[in-house]
């Protein structure tokens, strides 16, 4: 009975009306893969994915072209390598 009441209340967090952000977070792309992965395999599976970066949306293949690693033993290694290239910080919103 308590579950039915929770569903009627609506979402627990209200979503804002702010400007949209283009691209997917790198963590979302990384979560779609199993680890370990070779760079070539990631490019084949997710290379056309557009990811969010502080300088605007970029394809994962463009970012991975600037990564020296060819093998990622874990999701964290992959995410860290991508962040080393794209940086961290606020992400631009769509204009």
Protein backbone atom coordinates (compact mmCIF):
# COMPACT_ATOMS: atom_id res chain seq x y z
CA UNK A 1 0.00 0.00 0.00
CA UNK A 2 2.84 2.41 0.78
CA UNK A 3 4.31 1.87 -2.71
CA UNK A 4 1.05 3.01 -4.33
CA UNK A 5 1.11 6.24 -2.35
CA UNK A 6 4.70 7.01 -3.39
CA UNK A 7 3.81 6.65 -7.07
CA UNK A 8 0.97 9.17 -6.76
CA UNK A 9 3.22 11.86 -5.29
CA UNK A 10 5.18 12.47 -8.52
CA UNK A 11 8.92 12.69 -8.98
CA UNK A 12 11.11 13.15 -5.92
CA UNK A 13 13.33 15.64 -7.76
CA UNK A 14 11.96 18.33 -10.02
CA UNK A 15 13.81 18.68 -13.30
CA UNK A 16 14.83 22.17 -14.29
CA UNK A 17 13.86 24.13 -17.36
CA UNK A 18 17.48 25.08 -18.11
CA UNK A 19 19.22 24.87 -21.45
CA UNK A 20 19.95 21.33 -22.67
CA UNK A 21 23.47 19.94 -22.76
CA UNK A 22 24.54 18.15 -25.93
CA UNK A 23 26.22 14.78 -25.72
CA UNK A 24 26.33 12.02 -23.15
CA UNK A 25 28.45 11.96 -20.01
CA UNK A 26 31.53 9.79 -20.49
CA UNK A 27 30.41 7.71 -17.50
CA UNK A 28 27.22 6.74 -19.38
CA UNK A 29 29.19 5.63 -22.42
CA UNK A 30 31.62 3.69 -20.21
CA UNK A 31 28.73 1.94 -18.45
CA UNK A 32 27.53 0.47 -21.76
CA UNK A 33 30.79 -1.46 -22.14
CA UNK A 34 32.28 -4.43 -20.31
CA UNK A 35 35.84 -4.29 -19.06
CA UNK A 36 38.66 -4.82 -19.96
CA UNK A 37 38.47 -3.35 -23.50
CA UNK A 38 40.91 -2.56 -26.27
CA UNK A 39 40.81 0.92 -27.74
CA UNK A 40 39.93 -0.47 -31.18
CA UNK A 41 36.98 -2.36 -29.71
CA UNK A 42 35.67 0.77 -27.98
CA UNK A 43 35.98 2.71 -31.23
CA UNK A 44 34.06 0.03 -33.09
CA UNK A 45 31.27 -0.13 -30.49
CA UNK A 46 30.97 3.49 -29.31
CA UNK A 47 33.26 5.59 -31.52
CA UNK A 48 30.38 7.62 -32.98
CA UNK A 49 28.97 8.48 -29.54
CA UNK A 50 28.93 12.20 -28.80
CA UNK A 51 30.24 12.99 -25.32
CA UNK A 52 30.07 16.11 -23.18
CA UNK A 53 33.28 18.04 -22.72
CA UNK A 54 34.09 21.44 -21.21
CA UNK A 55 34.86 22.72 -24.73
CA UNK A 56 31.59 21.41 -26.20
CA UNK A 57 30.36 18.08 -27.57
CA UNK A 58 32.91 15.81 -29.28
CA UNK A 59 32.77 12.34 -30.73
CA UNK A 60 34.44 9.67 -28.66
CA UNK A 61 36.57 8.68 -31.65
CA UNK A 62 38.04 12.20 -31.84
CA UNK A 63 38.88 12.10 -28.15
CA UNK A 64 40.35 8.59 -28.25
CA UNK A 65 42.60 9.62 -31.15
CA UNK A 66 44.44 11.78 -28.58
CA UNK A 67 44.68 9.00 -25.96
CA UNK A 68 47.97 7.08 -25.99
CA UNK A 69 46.60 3.97 -24.24
CA UNK A 70 45.55 1.04 -26.43
CA UNK A 71 44.14 -1.15 -23.65
CA UNK A 72 41.94 -0.22 -20.72
CA UNK A 73 41.91 -2.73 -17.88
CA UNK A 74 38.99 -1.09 -16.08
CA UNK A 75 36.20 1.41 -16.52
CA UNK A 76 38.04 3.83 -14.24
CA UNK A 77 41.20 3.66 -16.34
CA UNK A 78 39.15 4.49 -19.43
CA UNK A 79 37.29 7.40 -17.81
CA UNK A 80 40.51 8.81 -16.35
CA UNK A 81 42.27 8.60 -19.73
CA UNK A 82 39.40 10.44 -21.42
CA UNK A 83 39.32 13.11 -18.70
CA UNK A 84 43.08 13.59 -19.12
CA UNK A 85 42.36 14.63 -22.72
CA UNK A 86 39.10 16.57 -22.39
CA UNK A 87 39.68 18.02 -18.94
CA UNK A 88 37.12 18.53 -16.22
CA UNK A 89 34.92 21.45 -15.47
CA UNK A 90 31.61 23.00 -16.40
CA UNK A 91 30.01 21.75 -19.61
CA UNK A 92 28.63 24.22 -22.14
CA UNK A 93 24.89 24.29 -22.67
CA UNK A 94 23.22 24.44 -26.06
CA UNK A 95 22.81 27.91 -27.47
